[in-house]
Amino acid sequence: MGAYLGLWTVLALVSAAETYVAMPIHGKPVSVSLALERAFEEWFLWALLSLGIIALGERFPFRAGQGHRWCLLHGAASAATTVVYVALYALLLQGQYSIEGKLFTFGSVFQKVILSYFLFNVSMYWLVLLAQQGWYHYQQSRQRELQAAALATELVRARLEALRMQINPHFLFNTLNTISALVHEKPEAADRMIARLSELLRRTLDHSDTQEVPLREEITFLQGYLEIEQMRFPDRLTVAFDIQPKTQELLVPHLVLQPLVENALRHGILPREEPGRVEISARVTGGDTLELKVRDNGNGLPAPNGAPEREGIGLKNIRSRLTHLYGTAQSLEVRNVPEGGVEACLRLPCCTIPRSQAPRVVVLSAAEAGVNPASLPITASVKPDCC
């Protein structure tokens, strides 16, 4: 409201200055007080009527396909507003004296102003209306963009949650298979594995609504999982961790390492008769990239180019989750290593602020947002929030 009154005050002051300077040229000098009085009467009356014009513009905004009706409606309203303005202006001047000393009457003022300034007053109506419509449609466009961004955020969260919910049953199914294999042959080991499994499930439930956890928590979870596997194959599996201390508090997607380790065991270690080794390492490279590696000394990938012929649910879900969380600021590479075996190398931005708390920009395509492309000129990407 302050800006609104300020705008009309500026218009009144400019009009008063113009009158004060121009009237002496025509041989009709006017005092500063009279120039200000006339200007403020004229422009503040428009300020009052403009509130009605703005309300009418909000009630009947311009819409595609209704331009004819819109023009007719506001054309009639502009004529009516002009008559109301002239009548109110004549009432304000009634009983006052002109520069020449003549007494103003309602009839004389109304007739003179309605004939001489009708087009000007109609134009004032349309200027106010078009300004209001421009602001109205800008606000509508901004609201659509905000709604689309909110929809995109919810869409990403839903997809992430669905992906993580796929990993949990997958991990549980494989672990239960491991336990079932020991129930009759090694019941004590099966009991211990059930206890470890309950601990893992408790940790999973503790982070049921969390997409990212500090690396130290992910390593703790992974150690519990590997303890279960070492119970099953005590003489065939060796595990080594090489975790840089400064990586402990960096955030990683929850359950991101377990599928990589499970692949190393399932495809690299378990098919062989001889003992196997799995190495998990974490370090910071380039100052702002967290590099996680899971390496085994198994037989390697069968494909000639060293790439997996078919990715399972674990790797597919990891790639999908990484894309949703980090956009293009991540990579996952699975390759054979010269020493023998397979290495999965995961690179993430060094982050300590969860994406649920840090400011983030989520932008997506119109097709994903489910809106008209013409109303949403943005493209698909997720910008990571990193330290």
Protein backbone atom coordinates (compact mmCIF):
# COMPACT_ATOMS: atom_id res chain seq x y z
CA MET A 1 0.00 0.00 0.00
CA GLY A 2 2.89 2.37 0.72
CA ALA A 3 4.31 1.85 -2.76
CA TYR A 4 0.83 2.30 -4.25
CA LEU A 5 0.28 5.66 -2.52
CA GLY A 6 3.85 6.68 -3.32
CA LEU A 7 3.26 6.13 -7.04
CA TRP A 8 0.16 8.33 -7.13
CA THR A 9 1.88 10.97 -4.98
CA VAL A 10 4.73 11.16 -7.50
CA LEU A 11 2.23 11.54 -10.35
CA ALA A 12 0.44 14.32 -8.44
CA LEU A 13 3.70 16.17 -7.73
CA VAL A 14 4.79 15.94 -11.37
CA SER A 15 1.39 17.21 -12.50
CA ALA A 16 1.52 20.11 -10.00
CA ALA A 17 5.00 21.09 -11.17
CA GLU A 18 3.86 21.01 -14.80
CA THR A 19 0.85 23.22 -14.03
CA TYR A 20 2.92 25.69 -12.01
CA VAL A 21 5.48 26.04 -14.83
CA ALA A 22 3.08 25.98 -17.81
CA MET A 23 0.26 28.30 -16.68
CA PRO A 24 2.33 31.53 -16.62
CA ILE A 25 3.19 30.89 -20.28
CA HIS A 26 -0.52 31.25 -21.08
CA GLY A 27 -0.75 34.36 -18.93
CA LYS A 28 -2.45 32.58 -16.06
CA PRO A 29 0.05 32.26 -13.21
CA VAL A 30 -0.94 29.92 -10.40
CA SER A 31 0.30 29.61 -6.86
CA VAL A 32 2.17 26.52 -5.66
CA SER A 33 -0.59 25.68 -3.16
CA LEU A 34 -3.31 25.85 -5.80
CA ALA A 35 -1.30 23.74 -8.27
CA LEU A 36 -0.75 21.11 -5.56
CA GLU A 37 -4.41 21.19 -4.53
CA ARG A 38 -5.70 20.63 -8.06
CA ALA A 39 -3.13 17.91 -8.79
CA PHE A 40 -3.83 15.96 -5.63
CA GLU A 41 -7.59 16.20 -6.15
CA GLU A 42 -7.22 14.82 -9.65
CA TRP A 43 -4.67 12.04 -9.07
CA PHE A 44 -5.76 10.83 -5.65
CA LEU A 45 -9.27 10.47 -7.00
CA TRP A 46 -7.76 8.17 -9.62
CA ALA A 47 -5.88 6.36 -6.86
CA LEU A 48 -9.21 5.65 -5.16
CA LEU A 49 -10.95 4.49 -8.34
CA SER A 50 -7.95 2.37 -9.33
CA LEU A 51 -8.58 0.13 -6.33
CA GLY A 52 -11.89 -0.79 -7.95
CA ILE A 53 -10.23 -1.28 -11.33
CA ILE A 54 -7.67 -3.63 -9.79
CA ALA A 55 -10.38 -5.60 -8.00
CA LEU A 56 -12.38 -5.89 -11.22
CA GLY A 57 -9.28 -7.00 -13.12
CA GLU A 58 -8.63 -9.75 -10.55
CA ARG A 59 -12.26 -10.84 -10.69
CA PHE A 60 -12.30 -10.92 -14.50
CA PRO A 61 -8.74 -11.53 -15.77
CA PHE A 62 -7.85 -11.98 -19.39
CA ARG A 63 -8.01 -15.59 -20.51
CA ALA A 64 -7.29 -17.14 -23.88
CA GLY A 65 -10.43 -17.69 -25.88
CA GLN A 66 -12.38 -15.07 -23.93
CA GLY A 67 -10.76 -11.92 -25.30
CA HIS A 68 -13.95 -10.65 -26.93
CA ARG A 69 -16.00 -10.85 -23.75
CA TRP A 70 -13.11 -9.43 -21.71
CA CYS A 71 -12.80 -6.38 -23.97
CA LEU A 72 -16.56 -5.76 -23.92
CA LEU A 73 -16.73 -6.04 -20.16
CA HIS A 74 -13.82 -3.72 -19.44
CA GLY A 75 -14.83 -1.38 -22.25
CA ALA A 76 -18.15 -0.83 -20.51
CA ALA A 77 -16.41 -0.60 -17.14
CA SER A 78 -13.97 2.03 -18.47
CA ALA A 79 -16.85 4.22 -19.68
CA ALA A 80 -18.68 3.82 -16.36
CA THR A 81 -15.53 4.58 -14.39
CA THR A 82 -14.96 7.72 -16.45
CA VAL A 83 -18.48 8.99 -15.66
CA VAL A 84 -17.98 8.22 -11.96
CA TYR A 85 -14.62 9.98 -11.97
CA VAL A 86 -15.98 13.11 -13.66
CA ALA A 87 -18.94 13.23 -11.26
CA LEU A 88 -16.70 12.92 -8.19
CA TYR A 89 -14.26 15.47 -9.59
CA ALA A 90 -17.10 17.91 -10.24
CA LEU A 91 -18.28 17.44 -6.65
CA LEU A 92 -14.77 18.19 -5.37
CA LEU A 93 -14.50 21.41 -7.40
CA GLN A 94 -18.05 22.58 -6.71
CA GLY A 95 -17.94 25.82 -4.71
CA GLN A 96 -14.25 26.47 -5.43
CA TYR A 97 -12.90 29.24 -7.67
CA SER A 98 -10.97 28.87 -10.90
CA ILE A 99 -7.73 30.69 -11.73
CA GLU A 100 -9.81 33.35 -13.45
CA GLY A 101 -11.89 33.75 -10.30
CA LYS A 102 -15.01 32.02 -11.61
CA LEU A 103 -17.10 29.89 -9.24
CA PHE A 104 -17.17 26.19 -10.16
CA THR A 105 -20.58 24.53 -10.37
CA PHE A 106 -21.21 20.81 -10.65
CA GLY A 107 -22.91 21.07 -14.04
CA SER A 108 -20.27 23.26 -15.68
CA VAL A 109 -17.36 21.15 -14.44
CA PHE A 110 -19.06 17.86 -15.34
CA GLN A 111 -19.87 19.04 -18.87
CA LYS A 112 -16.42 20.45 -19.54
CA VAL A 113 -14.47 17.47 -18.17
CA ILE A 114 -16.67 14.78 -19.71
CA LEU A 115 -16.35 16.35 -23.16
CA SER A 116 -12.71 17.40 -23.03
CA TYR A 117 -11.12 14.52 -21.11
CA PHE A 118 -13.31 11.51 -21.85
CA LEU A 119 -10.68 9.69 -23.96
CA PHE A 120 -7.92 10.57 -21.49
CA ASN A 121 -9.93 9.14 -18.58
CA VAL A 122 -10.82 6.00 -20.53
CA SER A 123 -7.13 5.61 -21.34
CA MET A 124 -6.30 5.92 -17.62
CA TYR A 125 -8.66 3.04 -16.89
CA TRP A 126 -6.95 0.83 -19.46
CA LEU A 127 -3.44 1.79 -18.30
CA VAL A 128 -4.30 0.79 -14.74
CA LEU A 129 -6.02 -2.40 -15.94
CA LEU A 130 -3.13 -3.48 -18.19
CA ALA A 131 -0.61 -2.85 -15.41
CA GLN A 132 -2.74 -4.96 -13.06
CA GLN A 133 -3.10 -7.72 -15.65
CA GLY A 134 0.63 -7.80 -16.28
CA TRP A 135 1.32 -8.20 -12.56
CA TYR A 136 -1.51 -10.73 -12.17
CA HIS A 137 -0.28 -13.01 -14.95
CA TYR A 138 3.32 -12.71 -13.72
CA GLN A 139 2.20 -13.87 -10.28
CA GLN A 140 0.22 -16.73 -11.84
CA SER A 141 3.26 -17.81 -13.82
CA ARG A 142 5.46 -17.72 -10.72
CA GLN A 143 2.89 -19.74 -8.79
CA ARG A 144 2.78 -22.39 -11.52
CA GLU A 145 6.58 -22.64 -11.45
CA LEU A 146 6.61 -22.97 -7.66
CA GLN A 147 3.91 -25.62 -7.78
CA ALA A 148 5.85 -27.50 -10.46
CA ALA A 149 9.03 -27.29 -8.37
CA ALA A 150 7.16 -28.59 -5.31
CA LEU A 151 5.72 -31.39 -7.44
CA ALA A 152 9.20 -32.21 -8.70
CA THR A 153 10.54 -32.41 -5.15
CA GLU A 154 7.78 -34.78 -4.11
CA LEU A 155 8.30 -36.83 -7.26
CA VAL A 156 12.02 -37.23 -6.55
CA ARG A 157 11.37 -38.14 -2.91
CA ALA A 158 8.78 -40.72 -3.91
CA ARG A 159 11.14 -42.30 -6.43
CA LEU A 160 14.01 -42.40 -3.95
CA GLU A 161 11.81 -44.00 -1.34
CA ALA A 162 10.56 -46.58 -3.82
CA LEU A 163 14.11 -47.44 -4.85
CA ARG A 164 15.25 -47.81 -1.25
CA MET A 165 12.24 -49.94 -0.42
CA GLN A 166 13.28 -52.28 -3.23
CA ILE A 167 16.78 -52.66 -1.79
CA ASN A 168 15.61 -53.56 1.73
CA PRO A 169 13.54 -56.66 0.74
CA HIS A 170 16.27 -57.68 -1.70
CA PHE A 171 18.88 -57.62 1.06
CA LEU A 172 16.54 -59.35 3.53
CA PHE A 173 15.69 -62.12 1.05
CA ASN A 174 19.35 -62.94 0.42
CA THR A 175 20.22 -62.86 4.11
CA LEU A 176 17.34 -65.18 5.00
CA ASN A 177 18.55 -67.58 2.31
CA THR A 178 21.96 -67.56 4.00
CA ILE A 179 20.39 -68.29 7.38
CA SER A 180 18.21 -71.08 5.99
CA ALA A 181 21.31 -72.80 4.64
CA LEU A 182 22.76 -73.01 8.17
CA VAL A 183 19.69 -73.81 10.27
CA HIS A 184 20.19 -77.57 10.10
CA GLU A 185 23.96 -77.79 9.60
CA LYS A 186 25.12 -75.07 12.01
CA PRO A 187 22.24 -74.03 14.28
CA GLU A 188 24.46 -72.00 16.60
CA ALA A 189 25.82 -70.00 13.69
CA ALA A 190 22.26 -69.56 12.43
CA ASP A 191 21.23 -68.20 15.85
CA ARG A 192 24.08 -65.70 15.81
CA MET A 193 23.19 -64.68 12.27
CA ILE A 194 19.56 -64.10 13.26
CA ALA A 195 20.75 -61.86 16.09
CA ARG A 196 22.97 -59.92 13.70
CA LEU A 197 20.14 -59.67 11.21
CA SER A 198 17.83 -58.19 13.85
CA GLU A 199 20.49 -55.58 14.59
CA LEU A 200 20.76 -54.70 10.92
CA LEU A 201 17.00 -54.42 10.56
CA ARG A 202 16.86 -52.17 13.62
CA ARG A 203 19.46 -49.89 12.06
CA THR A 204 17.49 -49.89 8.81
CA LEU A 205 14.30 -48.90 10.64
CA ASP A 206 16.16 -46.15 12.49
CA HIS A 207 16.81 -44.55 9.08
CA SER A 208 13.46 -45.42 7.50
CA ASP A 209 12.87 -41.77 6.49
CA THR A 210 16.49 -40.88 5.72
CA GLN A 211 18.10 -40.96 2.30
CA GLU A 212 21.63 -40.04 3.40
CA VAL A 213 23.71 -41.00 6.42
CA PRO A 214 27.30 -40.29 7.51
CA LEU A 215 29.77 -42.74 6.03
CA ARG A 216 30.66 -44.04 9.50
CA GLU A 217 27.08 -45.28 9.94
CA GLU A 218 27.11 -46.91 6.53
CA ILE A 219 30.39 -48.66 7.38
CA THR A 220 28.94 -49.87 10.70
CA PHE A 221 25.96 -51.32 8.87
CA LEU A 222 28.25 -52.92 6.30
CA GLN A 223 30.40 -54.50 9.01
CA GLY A 224 27.30 -56.12 10.49
CA TYR A 225 26.32 -57.48 7.10
CA LEU A 226 29.81 -58.83 6.42
CA GLU A 227 29.91 -60.43 9.86
CA ILE A 228 26.90 -62.49 8.82
CA GLU A 229 28.61 -63.57 5.60
CA GLN A 230 31.84 -64.42 7.42
CA MET A 231 29.83 -66.69 9.75
CA ARG A 232 28.68 -68.59 6.71
CA PHE A 233 32.10 -68.81 5.08
CA PRO A 234 34.60 -68.46 7.94
CA ASP A 235 37.55 -69.87 6.01
CA ARG A 236 36.83 -68.40 2.59
CA LEU A 237 36.18 -64.72 3.20
CA THR A 238 38.57 -62.01 4.32
CA VAL A 239 37.45 -58.40 4.65
CA ALA A 240 39.65 -55.29 4.81
CA PHE A 241 38.61 -51.66 5.41
CA ASP A 242 40.70 -48.63 4.45
CA ILE A 243 38.67 -45.57 5.48
CA GLN A 244 40.27 -42.13 5.66
CA PRO A 245 39.32 -40.46 8.96
CA LYS A 246 38.18 -37.25 7.27
CA THR A 247 35.57 -39.17 5.27
CA GLN A 248 33.72 -40.45 8.34
CA GLU A 249 31.20 -37.59 8.54
CA LEU A 250 30.63 -37.18 4.79
CA LEU A 251 27.14 -38.14 3.68
CA VAL A 252 26.42 -41.11 1.45
CA PRO A 253 23.11 -42.66 0.33
CA HIS A 254 21.84 -45.12 2.92
CA LEU A 255 22.51 -48.75 1.87
CA VAL A 256 24.67 -47.69 -1.05
CA LEU A 257 27.64 -49.97 -0.25
CA GLN A 258 25.79 -53.15 0.74
CA PRO A 259 24.64 -54.03 -2.81
CA LEU A 260 28.17 -53.46 -4.12
CA VAL A 261 29.65 -55.74 -1.47
CA GLU A 262 26.90 -58.31 -2.08
CA ASN A 263 27.79 -58.36 -5.80
CA ALA A 264 31.46 -58.85 -4.94
CA LEU A 265 30.59 -61.82 -2.74
CA ARG A 266 28.02 -63.37 -5.01
CA HIS A 267 29.87 -63.07 -8.31
CA GLY A 268 33.51 -62.77 -7.26
CA ILE A 269 34.10 -64.79 -4.09
CA LEU A 270 31.45 -67.47 -3.63
CA PRO A 271 31.77 -69.17 -7.07
CA ARG A 272 35.43 -70.00 -6.30
CA GLU A 273 36.75 -72.75 -4.06
CA GLU A 274 39.82 -70.86 -2.87
CA PRO A 275 39.67 -68.08 -0.22
CA GLY A 276 38.62 -64.63 -1.37
CA ARG A 277 39.18 -61.10 -0.21
CA VAL A 278 36.95 -58.01 -0.29
CA GLU A 279 38.41 -54.54 0.25
CA ILE A 280 36.35 -51.44 1.05
CA SER A 281 38.07 -48.06 0.88
CA ALA A 282 37.04 -44.43 1.18
CA ARG A 283 39.07 -41.32 0.48
CA VAL A 284 38.70 -37.71 -0.66
CA THR A 285 40.10 -36.89 -4.09
CA GLY A 286 40.40 -33.53 -5.78
CA GLY A 287 39.39 -31.77 -2.59
CA ASP A 288 35.64 -32.12 -3.09
CA THR A 289 34.96 -35.70 -4.26
CA LEU A 290 34.34 -38.71 -2.05
CA GLU A 291 35.65 -41.88 -3.70
CA LEU A 292 34.32 -45.20 -2.43
CA LYS A 293 35.71 -48.49 -3.75
CA VAL A 294 34.66 -52.10 -3.30
CA ARG A 295 37.18 -54.56 -4.72
CA ASP A 296 37.31 -58.35 -4.80
CA ASN A 297 39.97 -60.77 -6.04
CA GLY A 298 37.57 -63.04 -7.87
CA ASN A 299 37.45 -64.10 -11.50
CA GLY A 300 36.41 -60.74 -12.87
CA LEU A 301 33.69 -59.76 -15.29
CA PRO A 302 33.02 -62.17 -18.17
CA ALA A 303 32.36 -59.52 -20.82
CA PRO A 304 35.26 -58.83 -23.19
CA ASN A 305 35.28 -55.11 -22.43
CA GLY A 306 35.15 -55.69 -18.71
CA ALA A 307 31.62 -54.38 -18.30
CA PRO A 308 28.77 -56.37 -16.76
CA GLU A 309 26.51 -58.03 -19.32
CA ARG A 310 23.43 -57.47 -17.19
CA GLU A 311 23.04 -55.33 -14.08
CA GLY A 312 20.96 -56.66 -11.22
CA ILE A 313 18.49 -54.76 -9.10
CA GLY A 314 21.23 -53.58 -6.74
CA LEU A 315 23.31 -51.74 -9.34
CA LYS A 316 20.26 -50.39 -11.16
CA ASN A 317 18.84 -48.97 -7.96
CA ILE A 318 22.17 -47.44 -6.99
CA ARG A 319 22.45 -45.67 -10.34
CA SER A 320 18.87 -44.40 -10.12
CA ARG A 321 19.29 -43.14 -6.56
CA LEU A 322 22.57 -41.42 -7.39
CA THR A 323 21.00 -39.64 -10.36
CA HIS A 324 18.07 -38.43 -8.28
CA LEU A 325 20.27 -37.27 -5.40
CA TYR A 326 23.26 -35.78 -7.20
CA GLY A 327 22.35 -35.31 -10.85
CA THR A 328 25.52 -35.44 -12.94
CA ALA A 329 27.84 -34.77 -9.97
CA GLN A 330 28.32 -38.51 -9.39
CA SER A 331 29.56 -41.63 -11.15
CA LEU A 332 29.56 -45.39 -10.63
CA GLU A 333 32.03 -47.51 -12.58
CA VAL A 334 32.34 -51.29 -12.38
CA ARG A 335 35.46 -52.68 -14.05
CA ASN A 336 38.02 -55.45 -14.02
CA VAL A 337 41.34 -54.67 -12.36
CA PRO A 338 44.75 -55.81 -13.70
CA GLU A 339 45.57 -57.70 -10.48
CA GLY A 340 42.44 -59.85 -10.93
CA GLY A 341 38.95 -59.32 -9.72
CA VAL A 342 36.42 -56.53 -10.01
CA GLU A 343 36.39 -53.02 -8.61
CA ALA A 344 33.27 -50.88 -8.16
CA CYS A 345 34.27 -47.23 -7.91
CA LEU A 346 31.69 -44.75 -6.66
CA ARG A 347 32.35 -41.00 -6.73
CA LEU A 348 30.11 -38.52 -4.89
CA PRO A 349 30.37 -34.84 -4.02
CA CYS A 350 31.66 -34.21 -0.50
CA CYS A 351 28.52 -33.23 1.38
CA THR A 352 27.75 -32.81 5.08
CA ILE A 353 24.30 -31.16 4.78
CA PRO A 354 21.40 -33.54 4.05
CA ARG A 355 19.35 -32.58 1.02
CA SER A 356 16.21 -32.54 3.17
CA GLN A 357 17.71 -29.62 5.16
CA ALA A 358 19.88 -27.74 2.68
CA PRO A 359 18.51 -25.34 0.09
CA ARG A 360 18.10 -27.16 -3.17
CA VAL A 361 16.89 -26.46 -6.67
CA VAL A 362 14.84 -29.17 -8.25
CA VAL A 363 14.02 -28.57 -11.88
CA LEU A 364 12.39 -31.06 -14.16
CA SER A 365 10.87 -31.43 -17.56
CA ALA A 366 7.28 -30.47 -18.16
CA ALA A 367 6.41 -34.09 -18.94
CA GLU A 368 7.65 -35.26 -15.54
CA ALA A 369 5.87 -32.44 -13.74
CA GLY A 370 2.61 -33.22 -15.50
CA VAL A 371 2.02 -29.68 -16.66
CA ASN A 372 1.66 -27.90 -19.96
CA PRO A 373 5.16 -27.41 -21.48
CA ALA A 374 4.20 -23.90 -22.57
CA SER A 375 3.72 -22.87 -18.95
CA LEU A 376 6.95 -24.45 -17.66
CA PRO A 377 10.11 -23.44 -19.56
CA ILE A 378 12.54 -25.47 -17.45
CA THR A 379 14.63 -28.58 -18.00
CA ALA A 380 15.42 -31.67 -15.97
CA SER A 381 18.22 -31.64 -13.42
CA VAL A 382 18.89 -31.90 -9.70
CA LYS A 383 21.52 -29.60 -8.28
CA PRO A 384 23.50 -31.06 -5.34
CA ASP A 385 24.00 -29.05 -2.16
CA CYS A 386 27.59 -29.71 -1.10
CA CYS A 387 29.96 -28.32 1.43
